[in-house]
Amino acid sequence: MRRFKYMLWLLVAVFCLMPCGVSAAEAQRDLRIQEVFQRYGKKRNVTMVELSNEMLETYGMTHYKSITIKNDPEALRFTRQCLEADQKGARKIKEVTDDGGVVSAYYQLKGVEADINRFVLFKVSKKGVITLVYIEGDLDSDDLITLLFTKKDL
């Protein structure tokens, strides 16, 4: 389990260092988490990443967007509200709560198209850093887990 967490956050960290290029706004149109990216994406102490088409194709994805927000209790409250709305009807692959609030989550959302899956990953660090990731593509949950465990060249 620790290896899974390590690989998942390593993947997120590596993606945070890559150049932006593709807008996931269209893919997220029906999701409340889109509002997190819109509201906080250009604020101070925030890092937002969108992957280019070349990177997406390498990993079997059609959209990838992540946001990391440092020390913003209001952003945490708002992000949790958005997650709560979006996770209705989603497959909860993993969800961890502490003091009544979600601190880590991995959801598979209903796809807009039959062969396209959507995933939301969320974590709040002990230091209050919020990380929210949206992934869409033809990969399934097992593919994503395999990617996290086997890709060493990220």
N, C-alpha and C. Protein backbone atom coordinates (compact mmCIF):
# COMPACT_ATOMS: atom_id res chain seq x y z
N MET A 1 0.82 -1.19 0.00
CA MET A 1 0.00 0.00 0.00
C MET A 1 0.87 1.26 0.00
N ARG A 2 1.95 1.23 0.76
CA ARG A 2 2.84 2.39 0.78
C ARG A 2 3.47 2.62 -0.59
N ARG A 3 3.79 1.51 -1.27
CA ARG A 3 4.37 1.63 -2.61
C ARG A 3 3.36 2.27 -3.56
N PHE A 4 2.09 1.90 -3.45
CA PHE A 4 1.05 2.49 -4.30
C PHE A 4 0.97 3.99 -4.06
N LYS A 5 0.94 4.40 -2.80
CA LYS A 5 0.87 5.83 -2.47
C LYS A 5 2.09 6.56 -3.01
N TYR A 6 3.25 5.95 -2.81
CA TYR A 6 4.48 6.58 -3.28
C TYR A 6 4.46 6.74 -4.80
N MET A 7 4.11 5.69 -5.52
CA MET A 7 4.09 5.75 -6.98
C MET A 7 3.03 6.73 -7.48
N LEU A 8 1.87 6.76 -6.84
CA LEU A 8 0.81 7.67 -7.24
C LEU A 8 1.26 9.12 -7.11
N TRP A 9 1.85 9.45 -6.00
CA TRP A 9 2.27 10.84 -5.78
C TRP A 9 3.53 11.17 -6.56
N LEU A 10 4.34 10.16 -6.85
CA LEU A 10 5.48 10.37 -7.73
C LEU A 10 4.99 10.73 -9.13
N LEU A 11 3.99 10.02 -9.62
CA LEU A 11 3.40 10.32 -10.92
C LEU A 11 2.84 11.73 -10.94
N VAL A 12 2.12 12.10 -9.91
CA VAL A 12 1.56 13.45 -9.82
C VAL A 12 2.68 14.49 -9.80
N ALA A 13 3.72 14.24 -9.01
CA ALA A 13 4.82 15.19 -8.92
C ALA A 13 5.53 15.35 -10.26
N VAL A 14 5.76 14.24 -10.96
CA VAL A 14 6.42 14.32 -12.26
C VAL A 14 5.56 15.10 -13.24
N PHE A 15 4.27 14.83 -13.24
CA PHE A 15 3.38 15.55 -14.16
C PHE A 15 3.35 17.04 -13.84
N CYS A 16 3.56 17.40 -12.59
CA CYS A 16 3.56 18.81 -12.21
C CYS A 16 4.75 19.55 -12.81
N LEU A 17 5.78 18.82 -13.21
CA LEU A 17 6.96 19.45 -13.79
C LEU A 17 6.91 19.53 -15.31
N MET A 18 5.88 18.95 -15.92
CA MET A 18 5.79 18.91 -17.38
C MET A 18 5.06 20.13 -17.93
N PRO A 19 5.29 20.47 -19.20
CA PRO A 19 4.66 21.64 -19.80
C PRO A 19 3.16 21.47 -20.00
N CYS A 20 2.48 22.60 -20.03
CA CYS A 20 1.04 22.61 -20.23
C CYS A 20 0.73 22.59 -21.71
N GLY A 21 -0.55 22.25 -22.07
CA GLY A 21 -0.89 22.30 -23.47
C GLY A 21 -2.33 22.01 -23.80
N VAL A 22 -2.98 21.06 -23.15
CA VAL A 22 -4.31 20.65 -23.53
C VAL A 22 -5.32 21.11 -22.49
N SER A 23 -6.43 21.64 -22.93
CA SER A 23 -7.45 22.09 -21.99
C SER A 23 -8.41 20.96 -21.67
N ALA A 24 -8.58 20.68 -20.38
CA ALA A 24 -9.50 19.64 -19.95
C ALA A 24 -10.86 20.22 -19.59
N ALA A 25 -11.04 21.49 -19.84
CA ALA A 25 -12.30 22.13 -19.47
C ALA A 25 -13.49 21.47 -20.16
N GLU A 26 -13.34 21.13 -21.41
CA GLU A 26 -14.43 20.48 -22.13
C GLU A 26 -14.76 19.13 -21.51
N ALA A 27 -13.74 18.38 -21.15
CA ALA A 27 -13.94 17.06 -20.58
C ALA A 27 -14.59 17.14 -19.20
N GLN A 28 -14.34 18.20 -18.50
CA GLN A 28 -14.83 18.34 -17.14
C GLN A 28 -16.10 19.16 -17.05
N ARG A 29 -16.69 19.50 -18.15
CA ARG A 29 -17.82 20.42 -18.17
C ARG A 29 -18.92 20.02 -17.17
N ASP A 30 -19.20 18.75 -17.05
CA ASP A 30 -20.28 18.30 -16.18
C ASP A 30 -19.83 18.04 -14.73
N LEU A 31 -18.60 18.36 -14.39
CA LEU A 31 -18.08 18.09 -13.06
C LEU A 31 -17.89 19.37 -12.25
N ARG A 32 -18.16 19.27 -10.97
CA ARG A 32 -17.95 20.42 -10.08
C ARG A 32 -16.48 20.72 -9.86
N ILE A 33 -15.62 19.70 -9.96
CA ILE A 33 -14.20 19.96 -9.73
C ILE A 33 -13.63 20.94 -10.77
N GLN A 34 -14.30 21.08 -11.89
CA GLN A 34 -13.87 22.07 -12.89
C GLN A 34 -13.79 23.45 -12.24
N GLU A 35 -14.69 23.71 -11.32
CA GLU A 35 -14.72 25.01 -10.64
C GLU A 35 -13.47 25.23 -9.79
N VAL A 36 -12.89 24.15 -9.25
CA VAL A 36 -11.66 24.27 -8.47
C VAL A 36 -10.54 24.76 -9.38
N PHE A 37 -10.41 24.15 -10.54
CA PHE A 37 -9.37 24.55 -11.49
C PHE A 37 -9.59 25.99 -11.96
N GLN A 38 -10.83 26.35 -12.22
CA GLN A 38 -11.13 27.71 -12.70
C GLN A 38 -10.89 28.75 -11.60
N ARG A 39 -11.34 28.46 -10.40
CA ARG A 39 -11.27 29.43 -9.30
C ARG A 39 -9.85 29.63 -8.79
N TYR A 40 -9.07 28.55 -8.67
CA TYR A 40 -7.77 28.63 -8.01
C TYR A 40 -6.58 28.48 -8.95
N GLY A 41 -6.80 28.14 -10.21
CA GLY A 41 -5.72 27.82 -11.13
C GLY A 41 -4.66 28.88 -11.33
N LYS A 42 -5.01 30.14 -11.22
CA LYS A 42 -4.05 31.22 -11.48
C LYS A 42 -3.70 32.01 -10.22
N LYS A 43 -4.03 31.45 -9.07
CA LYS A 43 -3.75 32.15 -7.81
C LYS A 43 -2.34 31.85 -7.31
N ARG A 44 -1.92 32.67 -6.39
CA ARG A 44 -0.62 32.52 -5.74
C ARG A 44 -0.59 31.22 -4.93
N ASN A 45 0.57 30.59 -4.84
CA ASN A 45 0.77 29.33 -4.11
C ASN A 45 0.02 28.16 -4.74
N VAL A 46 -0.25 28.25 -6.04
CA VAL A 46 -0.97 27.20 -6.76
C VAL A 46 -0.15 26.80 -7.98
N THR A 47 -0.07 25.50 -8.22
CA THR A 47 0.54 24.97 -9.43
C THR A 47 -0.52 24.17 -10.16
N MET A 48 -0.77 24.51 -11.43
CA MET A 48 -1.73 23.79 -12.24
C MET A 48 -1.01 23.26 -13.47
N VAL A 49 -1.30 22.01 -13.83
CA VAL A 49 -0.64 21.35 -14.95
C VAL A 49 -1.68 20.73 -15.87
N GLU A 50 -1.49 20.93 -17.18
CA GLU A 50 -2.26 20.23 -18.21
C GLU A 50 -1.24 19.62 -19.15
N LEU A 51 -1.41 18.34 -19.48
CA LEU A 51 -0.43 17.68 -20.34
C LEU A 51 -0.73 17.90 -21.81
N SER A 52 0.34 17.88 -22.60
CA SER A 52 0.22 18.02 -24.05
C SER A 52 -0.28 16.70 -24.65
N ASN A 53 -0.74 16.77 -25.89
CA ASN A 53 -1.24 15.58 -26.58
C ASN A 53 -0.19 14.47 -26.66
N GLU A 54 1.06 14.84 -26.89
CA GLU A 54 2.12 13.83 -27.00
C GLU A 54 2.26 13.03 -25.72
N MET A 55 2.24 13.70 -24.59
CA MET A 55 2.35 13.00 -23.30
C MET A 55 1.10 12.17 -23.03
N LEU A 56 -0.04 12.70 -23.36
CA LEU A 56 -1.29 11.98 -23.12
C LEU A 56 -1.32 10.66 -23.87
N GLU A 57 -0.94 10.69 -25.14
CA GLU A 57 -0.96 9.48 -25.96
C GLU A 57 -0.02 8.42 -25.41
N THR A 58 1.09 8.83 -24.85
CA THR A 58 2.06 7.90 -24.28
C THR A 58 1.43 7.05 -23.18
N TYR A 59 0.52 7.64 -22.42
CA TYR A 59 -0.07 6.95 -21.28
C TYR A 59 -1.52 6.52 -21.51
N GLY A 60 -2.03 6.61 -22.73
CA GLY A 60 -3.39 6.17 -23.02
C GLY A 60 -4.44 7.10 -22.44
N MET A 61 -4.11 8.37 -22.35
CA MET A 61 -5.02 9.36 -21.78
C MET A 61 -5.48 10.33 -22.87
N THR A 62 -6.66 10.90 -22.66
CA THR A 62 -7.13 11.96 -23.55
C THR A 62 -7.09 13.31 -22.84
N HIS A 63 -7.14 13.32 -21.52
CA HIS A 63 -7.03 14.55 -20.73
C HIS A 63 -6.32 14.26 -19.42
N TYR A 64 -5.49 15.21 -19.00
CA TYR A 64 -4.85 15.15 -17.69
C TYR A 64 -4.75 16.58 -17.18
N LYS A 65 -5.23 16.80 -15.98
CA LYS A 65 -5.14 18.12 -15.38
C LYS A 65 -4.94 17.93 -13.89
N SER A 66 -4.00 18.69 -13.32
CA SER A 66 -3.78 18.61 -11.88
C SER A 66 -3.61 20.00 -11.31
N ILE A 67 -3.91 20.12 -10.04
CA ILE A 67 -3.74 21.38 -9.34
C ILE A 67 -3.23 21.06 -7.93
N THR A 68 -2.26 21.85 -7.50
CA THR A 68 -1.73 21.74 -6.15
C THR A 68 -1.88 23.11 -5.50
N ILE A 69 -2.55 23.12 -4.36
CA ILE A 69 -2.85 24.38 -3.66
C ILE A 69 -2.23 24.29 -2.26
N LYS A 70 -1.42 25.28 -1.93
CA LYS A 70 -0.73 25.28 -0.64
C LYS A 70 -1.48 26.11 0.39
N ASN A 71 -1.73 25.50 1.53
CA ASN A 71 -2.23 26.18 2.73
C ASN A 71 -3.38 27.16 2.48
N ASP A 72 -4.49 26.66 2.04
CA ASP A 72 -5.67 27.49 1.79
C ASP A 72 -6.91 26.75 2.31
N PRO A 73 -7.29 26.99 3.57
CA PRO A 73 -8.43 26.29 4.16
C PRO A 73 -9.73 26.48 3.38
N GLU A 74 -9.95 27.65 2.80
CA GLU A 74 -11.15 27.88 2.01
C GLU A 74 -11.13 27.02 0.75
N ALA A 75 -9.98 26.90 0.11
CA ALA A 75 -9.85 26.06 -1.08
C ALA A 75 -10.11 24.60 -0.71
N LEU A 76 -9.65 24.16 0.44
CA LEU A 76 -9.89 22.80 0.89
C LEU A 76 -11.38 22.56 1.09
N ARG A 77 -12.05 23.47 1.76
CA ARG A 77 -13.48 23.34 1.98
C ARG A 77 -14.22 23.27 0.64
N PHE A 78 -13.88 24.16 -0.27
CA PHE A 78 -14.54 24.21 -1.58
C PHE A 78 -14.25 22.95 -2.39
N THR A 79 -13.01 22.49 -2.38
CA THR A 79 -12.64 21.29 -3.13
C THR A 79 -13.39 20.07 -2.60
N ARG A 80 -13.49 19.96 -1.28
CA ARG A 80 -14.24 18.83 -0.70
C ARG A 80 -15.72 18.88 -1.09
N GLN A 81 -16.31 20.07 -1.15
CA GLN A 81 -17.70 20.20 -1.59
C GLN A 81 -17.85 19.72 -3.03
N CYS A 82 -16.93 20.13 -3.88
CA CYS A 82 -16.97 19.73 -5.29
C CYS A 82 -16.79 18.22 -5.43
N LEU A 83 -15.86 17.65 -4.67
CA LEU A 83 -15.65 16.20 -4.70
C LEU A 83 -16.90 15.45 -4.26
N GLU A 84 -17.53 15.96 -3.22
CA GLU A 84 -18.74 15.31 -2.70
C GLU A 84 -19.82 15.26 -3.78
N ALA A 85 -19.97 16.35 -4.51
CA ALA A 85 -20.98 16.39 -5.58
C ALA A 85 -20.61 15.44 -6.72
N ASP A 86 -19.34 15.42 -7.10
CA ASP A 86 -18.92 14.61 -8.25
C ASP A 86 -18.83 13.13 -7.96
N GLN A 87 -18.60 12.75 -6.72
CA GLN A 87 -18.43 11.33 -6.43
C GLN A 87 -19.74 10.56 -6.33
N LYS A 88 -20.86 11.27 -6.40
CA LYS A 88 -22.15 10.57 -6.41
C LYS A 88 -22.26 9.76 -7.69
N GLY A 89 -22.48 8.49 -7.56
CA GLY A 89 -22.56 7.61 -8.71
C GLY A 89 -21.21 7.11 -9.19
N ALA A 90 -20.14 7.58 -8.56
CA ALA A 90 -18.79 7.16 -8.94
C ALA A 90 -18.43 5.87 -8.21
N ARG A 91 -17.48 5.17 -8.75
CA ARG A 91 -16.94 3.99 -8.09
C ARG A 91 -15.82 4.46 -7.17
N LYS A 92 -15.98 4.24 -5.88
CA LYS A 92 -14.95 4.61 -4.92
C LYS A 92 -13.91 3.51 -4.89
N ILE A 93 -12.77 3.80 -5.44
CA ILE A 93 -11.69 2.83 -5.42
C ILE A 93 -10.97 2.93 -4.08
N LYS A 94 -10.81 4.15 -3.60
CA LYS A 94 -10.20 4.36 -2.29
C LYS A 94 -10.69 5.70 -1.75
N GLU A 95 -10.99 5.72 -0.47
CA GLU A 95 -11.37 6.98 0.18
C GLU A 95 -10.95 6.90 1.64
N VAL A 96 -10.20 7.90 2.08
CA VAL A 96 -9.74 7.97 3.47
C VAL A 96 -10.26 9.28 4.05
N THR A 97 -10.89 9.19 5.24
CA THR A 97 -11.36 10.39 5.91
C THR A 97 -10.67 10.52 7.27
N ASP A 98 -10.58 11.76 7.72
CA ASP A 98 -10.00 12.05 9.02
C ASP A 98 -10.73 13.27 9.57
N ASP A 99 -11.17 13.20 10.80
CA ASP A 99 -11.92 14.29 11.43
C ASP A 99 -13.12 14.73 10.58
N GLY A 100 -13.77 13.76 9.96
CA GLY A 100 -14.98 14.04 9.19
C GLY A 100 -14.77 14.56 7.78
N GLY A 101 -13.52 14.72 7.35
CA GLY A 101 -13.25 15.22 6.00
C GLY A 101 -12.39 14.26 5.21
N VAL A 102 -12.62 14.22 3.91
CA VAL A 102 -11.83 13.36 3.03
C VAL A 102 -10.40 13.91 2.95
N VAL A 103 -9.41 13.04 3.18
CA VAL A 103 -8.01 13.45 3.08
C VAL A 103 -7.31 12.77 1.91
N SER A 104 -7.90 11.69 1.41
CA SER A 104 -7.34 10.99 0.26
C SER A 104 -8.47 10.25 -0.44
N ALA A 105 -8.51 10.36 -1.77
CA ALA A 105 -9.58 9.69 -2.51
C ALA A 105 -9.11 9.34 -3.91
N TYR A 106 -9.69 8.27 -4.42
CA TYR A 106 -9.44 7.81 -5.79
C TYR A 106 -10.78 7.30 -6.29
N TYR A 107 -11.39 8.05 -7.21
CA TYR A 107 -12.71 7.74 -7.74
C TYR A 107 -12.63 7.47 -9.23
N GLN A 108 -13.45 6.51 -9.67
CA GLN A 108 -13.66 6.33 -11.10
C GLN A 108 -15.06 6.83 -11.40
N LEU A 109 -15.14 7.88 -12.21
CA LEU A 109 -16.41 8.51 -12.53
C LEU A 109 -17.03 7.88 -13.76
N LYS A 110 -18.32 8.07 -13.91
CA LYS A 110 -18.99 7.60 -15.12
C LYS A 110 -18.44 8.36 -16.31
N GLY A 111 -18.17 7.63 -17.38
CA GLY A 111 -17.63 8.25 -18.58
C GLY A 111 -18.71 8.92 -19.41
N VAL A 112 -18.33 9.97 -20.10
CA VAL A 112 -19.24 10.66 -21.01
C VAL A 112 -19.45 9.79 -22.25
N GLU A 113 -18.38 9.13 -22.69
CA GLU A 113 -18.44 8.19 -23.80
C GLU A 113 -18.24 6.79 -23.24
N ALA A 114 -18.77 5.79 -23.92
CA ALA A 114 -18.74 4.42 -23.41
C ALA A 114 -17.33 3.89 -23.17
N ASP A 115 -16.38 4.18 -24.04
CA ASP A 115 -15.04 3.60 -23.92
C ASP A 115 -14.03 4.54 -23.28
N ILE A 116 -14.49 5.64 -22.73
CA ILE A 116 -13.60 6.60 -22.06
C ILE A 116 -13.91 6.61 -20.57
N ASN A 117 -12.88 6.37 -19.77
CA ASN A 117 -13.02 6.39 -18.31
C ASN A 117 -12.48 7.69 -17.75
N ARG A 118 -13.03 8.09 -16.61
CA ARG A 118 -12.59 9.32 -15.95
C ARG A 118 -12.25 9.00 -14.50
N PHE A 119 -11.14 9.59 -14.04
CA PHE A 119 -10.67 9.36 -12.68
C PHE A 119 -10.39 10.68 -11.99
N VAL A 120 -10.66 10.72 -10.70
CA VAL A 120 -10.31 11.86 -9.88
C VAL A 120 -9.49 11.33 -8.72
N LEU A 121 -8.32 11.93 -8.53
CA LEU A 121 -7.44 11.60 -7.41
C LEU A 121 -7.33 12.85 -6.55
N PHE A 122 -7.37 12.67 -5.25
CA PHE A 122 -7.36 13.80 -4.33
C PHE A 122 -6.55 13.43 -3.10
N LYS A 123 -5.78 14.40 -2.61
CA LYS A 123 -5.04 14.19 -1.37
C LYS A 123 -4.78 15.51 -0.68
N VAL A 124 -4.83 15.47 0.64
CA VAL A 124 -4.43 16.60 1.47
C VAL A 124 -3.27 16.11 2.32
N SER A 125 -2.13 16.79 2.22
CA SER A 125 -0.96 16.38 3.00
C SER A 125 -1.13 16.83 4.45
N LYS A 126 -0.27 16.33 5.30
CA LYS A 126 -0.30 16.74 6.71
C LYS A 126 0.01 18.22 6.87
N LYS A 127 0.68 18.80 5.88
CA LYS A 127 1.00 20.23 5.91
C LYS A 127 -0.09 21.08 5.27
N GLY A 128 -1.19 20.45 4.85
CA GLY A 128 -2.31 21.20 4.29
C GLY A 128 -2.23 21.47 2.80
N VAL A 129 -1.33 20.79 2.09
CA VAL A 129 -1.21 20.96 0.65
C VAL A 129 -2.25 20.07 -0.03
N ILE A 130 -3.08 20.69 -0.87
CA ILE A 130 -4.17 19.99 -1.57
C ILE A 130 -3.67 19.61 -2.96
N THR A 131 -3.88 18.36 -3.35
CA THR A 131 -3.57 17.94 -4.71
C THR A 131 -4.83 17.30 -5.28
N LEU A 132 -5.25 17.79 -6.45
CA LEU A 132 -6.42 17.29 -7.15
C LEU A 132 -6.01 16.97 -8.58
N VAL A 133 -6.31 15.75 -9.03
CA VAL A 133 -5.92 15.30 -10.37
C VAL A 133 -7.14 14.77 -11.09
N TYR A 134 -7.30 15.17 -12.35
CA TYR A 134 -8.36 14.65 -13.22
C TYR A 134 -7.69 13.95 -14.39
N ILE A 135 -8.07 12.69 -14.63
CA ILE A 135 -7.51 11.90 -15.74
C ILE A 135 -8.67 11.31 -16.52
N GLU A 136 -8.55 11.37 -17.83
CA GLU A 136 -9.57 10.79 -18.71
C GLU A 136 -8.85 10.03 -19.82
N GLY A 137 -9.38 8.88 -20.19
CA GLY A 137 -8.79 8.13 -21.29
C GLY A 137 -9.37 6.75 -21.42
N ASP A 138 -8.78 5.98 -22.33
CA ASP A 138 -9.30 4.64 -22.54
C ASP A 138 -8.69 3.63 -21.57
N LEU A 139 -7.85 4.10 -20.66
CA LEU A 139 -7.31 3.23 -19.64
C LEU A 139 -8.37 2.98 -18.57
N ASP A 140 -8.33 1.80 -17.96
CA ASP A 140 -9.26 1.52 -16.88
C ASP A 140 -8.51 1.59 -15.55
N SER A 141 -9.21 1.33 -14.49
CA SER A 141 -8.62 1.45 -13.16
C SER A 141 -7.38 0.58 -13.01
N ASP A 142 -7.45 -0.65 -13.51
CA ASP A 142 -6.29 -1.55 -13.44
C ASP A 142 -5.13 -1.01 -14.26
N ASP A 143 -5.43 -0.44 -15.43
CA ASP A 143 -4.38 0.16 -16.26
C ASP A 143 -3.68 1.29 -15.52
N LEU A 144 -4.46 2.12 -14.85
CA LEU A 144 -3.89 3.26 -14.12
C LEU A 144 -3.00 2.77 -12.99
N ILE A 145 -3.45 1.77 -12.26
CA ILE A 145 -2.66 1.20 -11.17
C ILE A 145 -1.38 0.57 -11.72
N THR A 146 -1.51 -0.15 -12.84
CA THR A 146 -0.33 -0.75 -13.47
C THR A 146 0.65 0.33 -13.90
N LEU A 147 0.14 1.40 -14.48
CA LEU A 147 0.98 2.52 -14.89
C LEU A 147 1.73 3.09 -13.70
N LEU A 148 1.05 3.24 -12.59
CA LEU A 148 1.67 3.81 -11.39
C LEU A 148 2.75 2.91 -10.83
N PHE A 149 2.55 1.58 -10.95
CA PHE A 149 3.51 0.65 -10.37
C PHE A 149 4.67 0.29 -11.30
N THR A 150 4.48 0.39 -12.61
CA THR A 150 5.50 -0.12 -13.51
C THR A 150 6.30 0.94 -14.24
N LYS A 151 5.81 2.14 -14.39
CA LYS A 151 6.55 3.16 -15.12
C LYS A 151 7.69 3.70 -14.26
N LYS A 152 8.90 3.36 -14.60
CA LYS A 152 10.07 3.81 -13.86
C LYS A 152 10.71 5.01 -14.52
N ASP A 153 10.39 5.26 -15.79
CA ASP A 153 11.05 6.32 -16.55
C ASP A 153 10.26 7.61 -16.54
N LEU A 154 9.42 7.80 -15.54
CA LEU A 154 8.66 9.03 -15.46
C LEU A 154 9.58 10.10 -14.98
